[in-house]
Amino acid sequence: MADNLRINTVATEDDYIHVQFREPNQFDEIRTPDWASNAAQSVSDDAKVRTGKREDSNDWMVESVLLEKHIGEEKAREQATDIIEKIES
């Protein structure tokens, strides 16, 4: 699934760069689970992953990756893609 996943938007807010892969409004519930953040932090320190679940499914999918602002948007895109591949492959 990660092969077909593309970045929707990249936005810098507060202390993080938000790299969004899926629209949040397609999910009924969004969480930032520790297991996903632990996997993400093996790629980038203090990275967080937001996952979403649709009402008609039990599957959780990555909605966005949050990376520290100081790395810059270009590097955030690269690292977020690496994180997605690690989690969803």
PDB file of N, CA and C in Angstrom:
ATOM      1  N   MET A   1       0.817  -1.198   0.000  1.00  0.00           N
ATOM      2  CA  MET A   1       0.000   0.000   0.000  1.00  0.00           C
ATOM      3  C   MET A   1       0.857   1.257   0.000  1.00  0.00           C
ATOM      4  N   ALA A   2       1.976   1.229   0.653  1.00  0.00           N
ATOM      5  CA  ALA A   2       2.834   2.411   0.745  1.00  0.00           C
ATOM      6  C   ALA A   2       3.333   2.859  -0.623  1.00  0.00           C
ATOM      7  N   ASP A   3       3.431   1.915  -1.587  1.00  0.00           N
ATOM      8  CA  ASP A   3       3.906   2.272  -2.917  1.00  0.00           C
ATOM      9  C   ASP A   3       2.974   3.250  -3.618  1.00  0.00           C
ATOM     10  N   ASN A   4       1.671   3.150  -3.356  1.00  0.00           N
ATOM     11  CA  ASN A   4       0.682   3.995  -4.020  1.00  0.00           C
ATOM     12  C   ASN A   4       0.355   5.260  -3.240  1.00  0.00           C
ATOM     13  N   LEU A   5       0.848   5.372  -2.041  1.00  0.00           N
ATOM     14  CA  LEU A   5       0.524   6.487  -1.168  1.00  0.00           C
ATOM     15  C   LEU A   5       1.359   7.705  -1.526  1.00  0.00           C
ATOM     16  N   ARG A   6       0.689   8.834  -1.672  1.00  0.00           N
ATOM     17  CA  ARG A   6       1.369  10.087  -2.013  1.00  0.00           C
ATOM     18  C   ARG A   6       1.081  11.150  -0.964  1.00  0.00           C
ATOM     19  N   ILE A   7       1.981  12.085  -0.872  1.00  0.00           N
ATOM     20  CA  ILE A   7       1.813  13.205   0.052  1.00  0.00           C
ATOM     21  C   ILE A   7       0.730  14.134  -0.480  1.00  0.00           C
ATOM     22  N   ASN A   8      -0.271  14.432   0.369  1.00  0.00           N
ATOM     23  CA  ASN A   8      -1.324  15.384   0.005  1.00  0.00           C
ATOM     24  C   ASN A   8      -0.862  16.818   0.222  1.00  0.00           C
ATOM     25  N   THR A   9      -0.419  17.089   1.445  1.00  0.00           N
ATOM     26  CA  THR A   9       0.008  18.443   1.791  1.00  0.00           C
ATOM     27  C   THR A   9       1.161  18.395   2.779  1.00  0.00           C
ATOM     28  N   VAL A  10       1.902  19.488   2.809  1.00  0.00           N
ATOM     29  CA  VAL A  10       2.957  19.684   3.798  1.00  0.00           C
ATOM     30  C   VAL A  10       2.743  21.074   4.377  1.00  0.00           C
ATOM     31  N   ALA A  11       2.614  21.146   5.689  1.00  0.00           N
ATOM     32  CA  ALA A  11       2.370  22.434   6.335  1.00  0.00           C
ATOM     33  C   ALA A  11       3.164  22.515   7.633  1.00  0.00           C
ATOM     34  N   THR A  12       3.738  23.685   7.889  1.00  0.00           N
ATOM     35  CA  THR A  12       4.469  23.909   9.126  1.00  0.00           C
ATOM     36  C   THR A  12       3.535  24.605  10.108  1.00  0.00           C
ATOM     37  N   GLU A  13       3.347  23.958  11.257  1.00  0.00           N
ATOM     38  CA  GLU A  13       2.487  24.508  12.313  1.00  0.00           C
ATOM     39  C   GLU A  13       3.168  24.306  13.655  1.00  0.00           C
ATOM     40  N   ASP A  14       3.205  25.334  14.453  1.00  0.00           N
ATOM     41  CA  ASP A  14       3.817  25.266  15.777  1.00  0.00           C
ATOM     42  C   ASP A  14       5.231  24.695  15.683  1.00  0.00           C
ATOM     43  N   ASP A  15       5.510  23.594  16.367  1.00  0.00           N
ATOM     44  CA  ASP A  15       6.858  23.027  16.403  1.00  0.00           C
ATOM     45  C   ASP A  15       7.070  21.913  15.392  1.00  0.00           C
ATOM     46  N   TYR A  16       6.038  21.597  14.596  1.00  0.00           N
ATOM     47  CA  TYR A  16       6.113  20.456  13.697  1.00  0.00           C
ATOM     48  C   TYR A  16       5.789  20.801  12.247  1.00  0.00           C
ATOM     49  N   ILE A  17       6.342  19.988  11.368  1.00  0.00           N
ATOM     50  CA  ILE A  17       5.939  19.982   9.965  1.00  0.00           C
ATOM     51  C   ILE A  17       4.986  18.805   9.830  1.00  0.00           C
ATOM     52  N   HIS A  18       3.791  19.077   9.364  1.00  0.00           N
ATOM     53  CA  HIS A  18       2.769  18.050   9.191  1.00  0.00           C
ATOM     54  C   HIS A  18       2.805  17.584   7.740  1.00  0.00           C
ATOM     55  N   VAL A  19       3.143  16.328   7.532  1.00  0.00           N
ATOM     56  CA  VAL A  19       3.152  15.734   6.199  1.00  0.00           C
ATOM     57  C   VAL A  19       1.923  14.831   6.133  1.00  0.00           C
ATOM     58  N   GLN A  20       0.928  15.280   5.388  1.00  0.00           N
ATOM     59  CA  GLN A  20      -0.363  14.582   5.338  1.00  0.00           C
ATOM     60  C   GLN A  20      -0.430  13.664   4.124  1.00  0.00           C
ATOM     61  N   PHE A  21      -0.818  12.417   4.371  1.00  0.00           N
ATOM     62  CA  PHE A  21      -0.964  11.426   3.310  1.00  0.00           C
ATOM     63  C   PHE A  21      -2.423  11.155   2.970  1.00  0.00           C
ATOM     64  N   ARG A  22      -3.297  11.268   3.956  1.00  0.00           N
ATOM     65  CA  ARG A  22      -4.719  11.029   3.736  1.00  0.00           C
ATOM     66  C   ARG A  22      -5.505  12.152   4.409  1.00  0.00           C
ATOM     67  N   GLU A  23      -6.646  12.473   3.846  1.00  0.00           N
ATOM     68  CA  GLU A  23      -7.491  13.533   4.393  1.00  0.00           C
ATOM     69  C   GLU A  23      -8.070  13.096   5.743  1.00  0.00           C
ATOM     70  N   PRO A  24      -7.949  13.931   6.761  1.00  0.00           N
ATOM     71  CA  PRO A  24      -8.459  13.547   8.083  1.00  0.00           C
ATOM     72  C   PRO A  24      -9.969  13.381   8.114  1.00  0.00           C
ATOM     73  N   ASN A  25     -10.691  14.063   7.227  1.00  0.00           N
ATOM     74  CA  ASN A  25     -12.154  13.970   7.262  1.00  0.00           C
ATOM     75  C   ASN A  25     -12.688  12.628   6.758  1.00  0.00           C
ATOM     76  N   GLN A  26     -11.814  11.757   6.233  1.00  0.00           N
ATOM     77  CA  GLN A  26     -12.279  10.427   5.828  1.00  0.00           C
ATOM     78  C   GLN A  26     -12.268   9.433   6.992  1.00  0.00           C
ATOM     79  N   PHE A  27     -11.828   9.891   8.168  1.00  0.00           N
ATOM     80  CA  PHE A  27     -11.745   9.018   9.338  1.00  0.00           C
ATOM     81  C   PHE A  27     -12.744   9.446  10.407  1.00  0.00           C
ATOM     82  N   ASP A  28     -13.258   8.440  11.121  1.00  0.00           N
ATOM     83  CA  ASP A  28     -14.152   8.708  12.241  1.00  0.00           C
ATOM     84  C   ASP A  28     -13.377   8.938  13.530  1.00  0.00           C
ATOM     85  N   GLU A  29     -12.173   8.387  13.579  1.00  0.00           N
ATOM     86  CA  GLU A  29     -11.343   8.494  14.777  1.00  0.00           C
ATOM     87  C   GLU A  29      -9.882   8.628  14.359  1.00  0.00           C
ATOM     88  N   ILE A  30      -9.153   9.519  15.009  1.00  0.00           N
ATOM     89  CA  ILE A  30      -7.720   9.700  14.739  1.00  0.00           C
ATOM     90  C   ILE A  30      -6.974   9.623  16.067  1.00  0.00           C
ATOM     91  N   ARG A  31      -5.863   8.866  16.042  1.00  0.00           N
ATOM     92  CA  ARG A  31      -5.036   8.707  17.243  1.00  0.00           C
ATOM     93  C   ARG A  31      -3.559   8.877  16.882  1.00  0.00           C
ATOM     94  N   THR A  32      -2.756   9.081  17.909  1.00  0.00           N
ATOM     95  CA  THR A  32      -1.303   9.127  17.765  1.00  0.00           C
ATOM     96  C   THR A  32      -0.746   7.995  18.635  1.00  0.00           C
ATOM     97  N   PRO A  33      -0.735   6.763  18.103  1.00  0.00           N
ATOM     98  CA  PRO A  33      -0.329   5.626  18.921  1.00  0.00           C
ATOM     99  C   PRO A  33       1.174   5.574  19.178  1.00  0.00           C
ATOM    100  N   ASP A  34       1.520   5.089  20.350  1.00  0.00           N
ATOM    101  CA  ASP A  34       2.933   4.964  20.727  1.00  0.00           C
ATOM    102  C   ASP A  34       3.694   4.029  19.793  1.00  0.00           C
ATOM    103  N   TRP A  35       3.082   2.910  19.395  1.00  0.00           N
ATOM    104  CA  TRP A  35       3.790   1.945  18.551  1.00  0.00           C
ATOM    105  C   TRP A  35       4.220   2.579  17.230  1.00  0.00           C
ATOM    106  N   ALA A  36       3.367   3.422  16.655  1.00  0.00           N
ATOM    107  CA  ALA A  36       3.703   4.077  15.379  1.00  0.00           C
ATOM    108  C   ALA A  36       4.770   5.146  15.591  1.00  0.00           C
ATOM    109  N   SER A  37       4.667   5.873  16.679  1.00  0.00           N
ATOM    110  CA  SER A  37       5.672   6.893  16.970  1.00  0.00           C
ATOM    111  C   SER A  37       7.022   6.256  17.245  1.00  0.00           C
ATOM    112  N   ASN A  38       7.020   5.106  17.908  1.00  0.00           N
ATOM    113  CA  ASN A  38       8.281   4.406  18.161  1.00  0.00           C
ATOM    114  C   ASN A  38       8.948   4.006  16.847  1.00  0.00           C
ATOM    115  N   ALA A  39       8.170   3.497  15.909  1.00  0.00           N
ATOM    116  CA  ALA A  39       8.711   3.136  14.590  1.00  0.00           C
ATOM    117  C   ALA A  39       9.211   4.387  13.861  1.00  0.00           C
ATOM    118  N   ALA A  40       8.470   5.469  13.958  1.00  0.00           N
ATOM    119  CA  ALA A  40       8.842   6.713  13.278  1.00  0.00           C
ATOM    120  C   ALA A  40      10.127   7.295  13.856  1.00  0.00           C
ATOM    121  N   GLN A  41      10.308   7.175  15.160  1.00  0.00           N
ATOM    122  CA  GLN A  41      11.490   7.746  15.797  1.00  0.00           C
ATOM    123  C   GLN A  41      12.761   6.998  15.454  1.00  0.00           C
ATOM    124  N   SER A  42      12.636   5.821  14.876  1.00  0.00           N
ATOM    125  CA  SER A  42      13.829   5.134  14.384  1.00  0.00           C
ATOM    126  C   SER A  42      14.327   5.791  13.091  1.00  0.00           C
ATOM    127  N   VAL A  43      13.479   6.617  12.476  1.00  0.00           N
ATOM    128  CA  VAL A  43      13.851   7.365  11.266  1.00  0.00           C
ATOM    129  C   VAL A  43      14.195   8.807  11.621  1.00  0.00           C
ATOM    130  N   SER A  44      13.407   9.427  12.500  1.00  0.00           N
ATOM    131  CA  SER A  44      13.594  10.841  12.845  1.00  0.00           C
ATOM    132  C   SER A  44      13.219  11.059  14.314  1.00  0.00           C
ATOM    133  N   ASP A  45      14.123  11.694  15.073  1.00  0.00           N
ATOM    134  CA  ASP A  45      13.868  11.960  16.491  1.00  0.00           C
ATOM    135  C   ASP A  45      12.586  12.763  16.672  1.00  0.00           C
ATOM    136  N   ASP A  46      11.815  12.387  17.681  1.00  0.00           N
ATOM    137  CA  ASP A  46      10.580  13.070  18.077  1.00  0.00           C
ATOM    138  C   ASP A  46       9.496  13.073  17.008  1.00  0.00           C
ATOM    139  N   ALA A  47       9.585  12.204  16.006  1.00  0.00           N
ATOM    140  CA  ALA A  47       8.527  12.096  14.999  1.00  0.00           C
ATOM    141  C   ALA A  47       7.286  11.475  15.623  1.00  0.00           C
ATOM    142  N   LYS A  48       6.133  11.878  15.115  1.00  0.00           N
ATOM    143  CA  LYS A  48       4.854  11.332  15.574  1.00  0.00           C
ATOM    144  C   LYS A  48       4.052  10.920  14.343  1.00  0.00           C
ATOM    145  N   VAL A  49       3.224   9.912  14.530  1.00  0.00           N
ATOM    146  CA  VAL A  49       2.389   9.426  13.437  1.00  0.00           C
ATOM    147  C   VAL A  49       0.939   9.460  13.893  1.00  0.00           C
ATOM    148  N   ARG A  50       0.097  10.066  13.086  1.00  0.00           N
ATOM    149  CA  ARG A  50      -1.337  10.070  13.360  1.00  0.00           C
ATOM    150  C   ARG A  50      -1.983   9.010  12.484  1.00  0.00           C
ATOM    151  N   THR A  51      -2.765   8.157  13.113  1.00  0.00           N
ATOM    152  CA  THR A  51      -3.460   7.109  12.376  1.00  0.00           C
ATOM    153  C   THR A  51      -4.958   7.345  12.474  1.00  0.00           C
ATOM    154  N   GLY A  52      -5.666   6.889  11.457  1.00  0.00           N
ATOM    155  CA  GLY A  52      -7.110   7.061  11.434  1.00  0.00           C
ATOM    156  C   GLY A  52      -7.824   5.754  11.156  1.00  0.00           C
ATOM    157  N   LYS A  53      -9.071   5.664  11.648  1.00  0.00           N
ATOM    158  CA  LYS A  53      -9.899   4.480  11.435  1.00  0.00           C
ATOM    159  C   LYS A  53     -11.245   4.930  10.900  1.00  0.00           C
ATOM    160  N   ARG A  54     -11.651   4.284   9.819  1.00  0.00           N
ATOM    161  CA  ARG A  54     -12.979   4.554   9.258  1.00  0.00           C
ATOM    162  C   ARG A  54     -14.029   3.773  10.028  1.00  0.00           C
ATOM    163  N   GLU A  55     -15.248   4.270  10.021  1.00  0.00           N
ATOM    164  CA  GLU A  55     -16.341   3.634  10.755  1.00  0.00           C
ATOM    165  C   GLU A  55     -16.593   2.203  10.274  1.00  0.00           C
ATOM    166  N   ASP A  56     -16.475   1.959   8.995  1.00  0.00           N
ATOM    167  CA  ASP A  56     -16.795   0.652   8.427  1.00  0.00           C
ATOM    168  C   ASP A  56     -15.605  -0.306   8.389  1.00  0.00           C
ATOM    169  N   SER A  57     -14.559  -0.018   9.153  1.00  0.00           N
ATOM    170  CA  SER A  57     -13.352  -0.834   9.112  1.00  0.00           C
ATOM    171  C   SER A  57     -12.724  -0.945  10.500  1.00  0.00           C
ATOM    172  N   ASN A  58     -11.982  -2.015  10.697  1.00  0.00           N
ATOM    173  CA  ASN A  58     -11.210  -2.170  11.928  1.00  0.00           C
ATOM    174  C   ASN A  58      -9.750  -1.808  11.716  1.00  0.00           C
ATOM    175  N   ASP A  59      -9.390  -1.460  10.483  1.00  0.00           N
ATOM    176  CA  ASP A  59      -8.006  -1.155  10.134  1.00  0.00           C
ATOM    177  C   ASP A  59      -7.670   0.304  10.424  1.00  0.00           C
ATOM    178  N   TRP A  60      -6.487   0.495  10.975  1.00  0.00           N
ATOM    179  CA  TRP A  60      -5.952   1.828  11.208  1.00  0.00           C
ATOM    180  C   TRP A  60      -4.948   2.128  10.113  1.00  0.00           C
ATOM    181  N   MET A  61      -5.026   3.325   9.536  1.00  0.00           N
ATOM    182  CA  MET A  61      -4.124   3.733   8.458  1.00  0.00           C
ATOM    183  C   MET A  61      -3.448   5.044   8.836  1.00  0.00           C
ATOM    184  N   VAL A  62      -2.264   5.258   8.316  1.00  0.00           N
ATOM    185  CA  VAL A  62      -1.543   6.503   8.588  1.00  0.00           C
ATOM    186  C   VAL A  62      -2.272   7.659   7.913  1.00  0.00           C
ATOM    187  N   GLU A  63      -2.569   8.676   8.701  1.00  0.00           N
ATOM    188  CA  GLU A  63      -3.170   9.904   8.177  1.00  0.00           C
ATOM    189  C   GLU A  63      -2.074  10.930   7.904  1.00  0.00           C
ATOM    190  N   SER A  64      -1.171  11.114   8.877  1.00  0.00           N
ATOM    191  CA  SER A  64      -0.099  12.091   8.693  1.00  0.00           C
ATOM    192  C   SER A  64       1.087  11.750   9.589  1.00  0.00           C
ATOM    193  N   VAL A  65       2.217  12.361   9.239  1.00  0.00           N
ATOM    194  CA  VAL A  65       3.445  12.225  10.016  1.00  0.00           C
ATOM    195  C   VAL A  65       3.859  13.625  10.440  1.00  0.00           C
ATOM    196  N   LEU A  66       4.205  13.777  11.700  1.00  0.00           N
ATOM    197  CA  LEU A  66       4.659  15.056  12.226  1.00  0.00           C
ATOM    198  C   LEU A  66       6.145  14.964  12.527  1.00  0.00           C
ATOM    199  N   LEU A  67       6.906  15.906  11.994  1.00  0.00           N
ATOM    200  CA  LEU A  67       8.357  15.925  12.172  1.00  0.00           C
ATOM    201  C   LEU A  67       8.783  17.293  12.698  1.00  0.00           C
ATOM    202  N   GLU A  68       9.883  17.313  13.428  1.00  0.00           N
ATOM    203  CA  GLU A  68      10.356  18.572  14.003  1.00  0.00           C
ATOM    204  C   GLU A  68      10.586  19.623  12.920  1.00  0.00           C
ATOM    205  N   LYS A  69      10.187  20.829  13.226  1.00  0.00           N
ATOM    206  CA  LYS A  69      10.221  21.931  12.265  1.00  0.00           C
ATOM    207  C   LYS A  69      11.631  22.254  11.773  1.00  0.00           C
ATOM    208  N   HIS A  70      12.615  22.074  12.601  1.00  0.00           N
ATOM    209  CA  HIS A  70      13.971  22.500  12.242  1.00  0.00           C
ATOM    210  C   HIS A  70      14.575  21.693  11.083  1.00  0.00           C
ATOM    211  N   ILE A  71      14.003  20.532  10.729  1.00  0.00           N
ATOM    212  CA  ILE A  71      14.595  19.735   9.641  1.00  0.00           C
ATOM    213  C   ILE A  71      14.251  20.278   8.263  1.00  0.00           C
ATOM    214  N   GLY A  72      13.230  21.123   8.168  1.00  0.00           N
ATOM    215  CA  GLY A  72      12.841  21.708   6.890  1.00  0.00           C
ATOM    216  C   GLY A  72      11.866  20.810   6.127  1.00  0.00           C
ATOM    217  N   GLU A  73      11.098  21.434   5.242  1.00  0.00           N
ATOM    218  CA  GLU A  73      10.031  20.715   4.545  1.00  0.00           C
ATOM    219  C   GLU A  73      10.548  19.656   3.573  1.00  0.00           C
ATOM    220  N   GLU A  74      11.637  19.914   2.885  1.00  0.00           N
ATOM    221  CA  GLU A  74      12.145  18.932   1.924  1.00  0.00           C
ATOM    222  C   GLU A  74      12.569  17.639   2.634  1.00  0.00           C
ATOM    223  N   LYS A  75      13.332  17.800   3.709  1.00  0.00           N
ATOM    224  CA  LYS A  75      13.776  16.622   4.465  1.00  0.00           C
ATOM    225  C   LYS A  75      12.585  15.955   5.158  1.00  0.00           C
ATOM    226  N   ALA A  76      11.603  16.740   5.573  1.00  0.00           N
ATOM    227  CA  ALA A  76      10.402  16.180   6.199  1.00  0.00           C
ATOM    228  C   ALA A  76       9.656  15.280   5.220  1.00  0.00           C
ATOM    229  N   ARG A  77       9.564  15.691   3.967  1.00  0.00           N
ATOM    230  CA  ARG A  77       8.923  14.849   2.940  1.00  0.00           C
ATOM    231  C   ARG A  77       9.638  13.509   2.815  1.00  0.00           C
ATOM    232  N   GLU A  78      10.964  13.562   2.747  1.00  0.00           N
ATOM    233  CA  GLU A  78      11.758  12.337   2.599  1.00  0.00           C
ATOM    234  C   GLU A  78      11.586  11.419   3.810  1.00  0.00           C
ATOM    235  N   GLN A  79      11.701  11.999   4.995  1.00  0.00           N
ATOM    236  CA  GLN A  79      11.616  11.185   6.204  1.00  0.00           C
ATOM    237  C   GLN A  79      10.208  10.630   6.410  1.00  0.00           C
ATOM    238  N   ALA A  80       9.201  11.416   6.094  1.00  0.00           N
ATOM    239  CA  ALA A  80       7.818  10.940   6.237  1.00  0.00           C
ATOM    240  C   ALA A  80       7.573   9.760   5.302  1.00  0.00           C
ATOM    241  N   THR A  81       8.082   9.833   4.089  1.00  0.00           N
ATOM    242  CA  THR A  81       7.944   8.727   3.147  1.00  0.00           C
ATOM    243  C   THR A  81       8.656   7.487   3.666  1.00  0.00           C
ATOM    244  N   ASP A  82       9.845   7.657   4.235  1.00  0.00           N
ATOM    245  CA  ASP A  82      10.564   6.527   4.829  1.00  0.00           C
ATOM    246  C   ASP A  82       9.778   5.900   5.978  1.00  0.00           C
ATOM    247  N   ILE A  83       9.156   6.746   6.778  1.00  0.00           N
ATOM    248  CA  ILE A  83       8.370   6.263   7.915  1.00  0.00           C
ATOM    249  C   ILE A  83       7.157   5.474   7.418  1.00  0.00           C
ATOM    250  N   ILE A  84       6.470   5.997   6.415  1.00  0.00           N
ATOM    251  CA  ILE A  84       5.308   5.303   5.861  1.00  0.00           C
ATOM    252  C   ILE A  84       5.709   3.939   5.334  1.00  0.00           C
ATOM    253  N   GLU A  85       6.812   3.881   4.607  1.00  0.00           N
ATOM    254  CA  GLU A  85       7.269   2.605   4.059  1.00  0.00           C
ATOM    255  C   GLU A  85       7.580   1.621   5.180  1.00  0.00           C
ATOM    256  N   LYS A  86       8.153   2.102   6.247  1.00  0.00           N
ATOM    257  CA  LYS A  86       8.494   1.238   7.384  1.00  0.00           C
ATOM    258  C   LYS A  86       7.237   0.694   8.061  1.00  0.00           C
ATOM    259  N   ILE A  87       6.239   1.539   8.213  1.00  0.00           N
ATOM    260  CA  ILE A  87       5.025   1.158   8.940  1.00  0.00           C
ATOM    261  C   ILE A  87       4.073   0.324   8.074  1.00  0.00           C
ATOM    262  N   GLU A  88       3.878   0.716   6.824  1.00  0.00           N
ATOM    263  CA  GLU A  88       2.835   0.095   6.026  1.00  0.00           C
ATOM    264  C   GLU A  88       3.328  -1.006   5.080  1.00  0.00           C
ATOM    265  N   SER A  89       4.603  -1.252   5.039  1.00  0.00           N
ATOM    266  CA  SER A  89       5.100  -2.314   4.154  1.00  0.00           C
ATOM    267  C   SER A  89       4.880  -3.685   4.740  1.00  0.00           C
TER     268      SER A  89
END
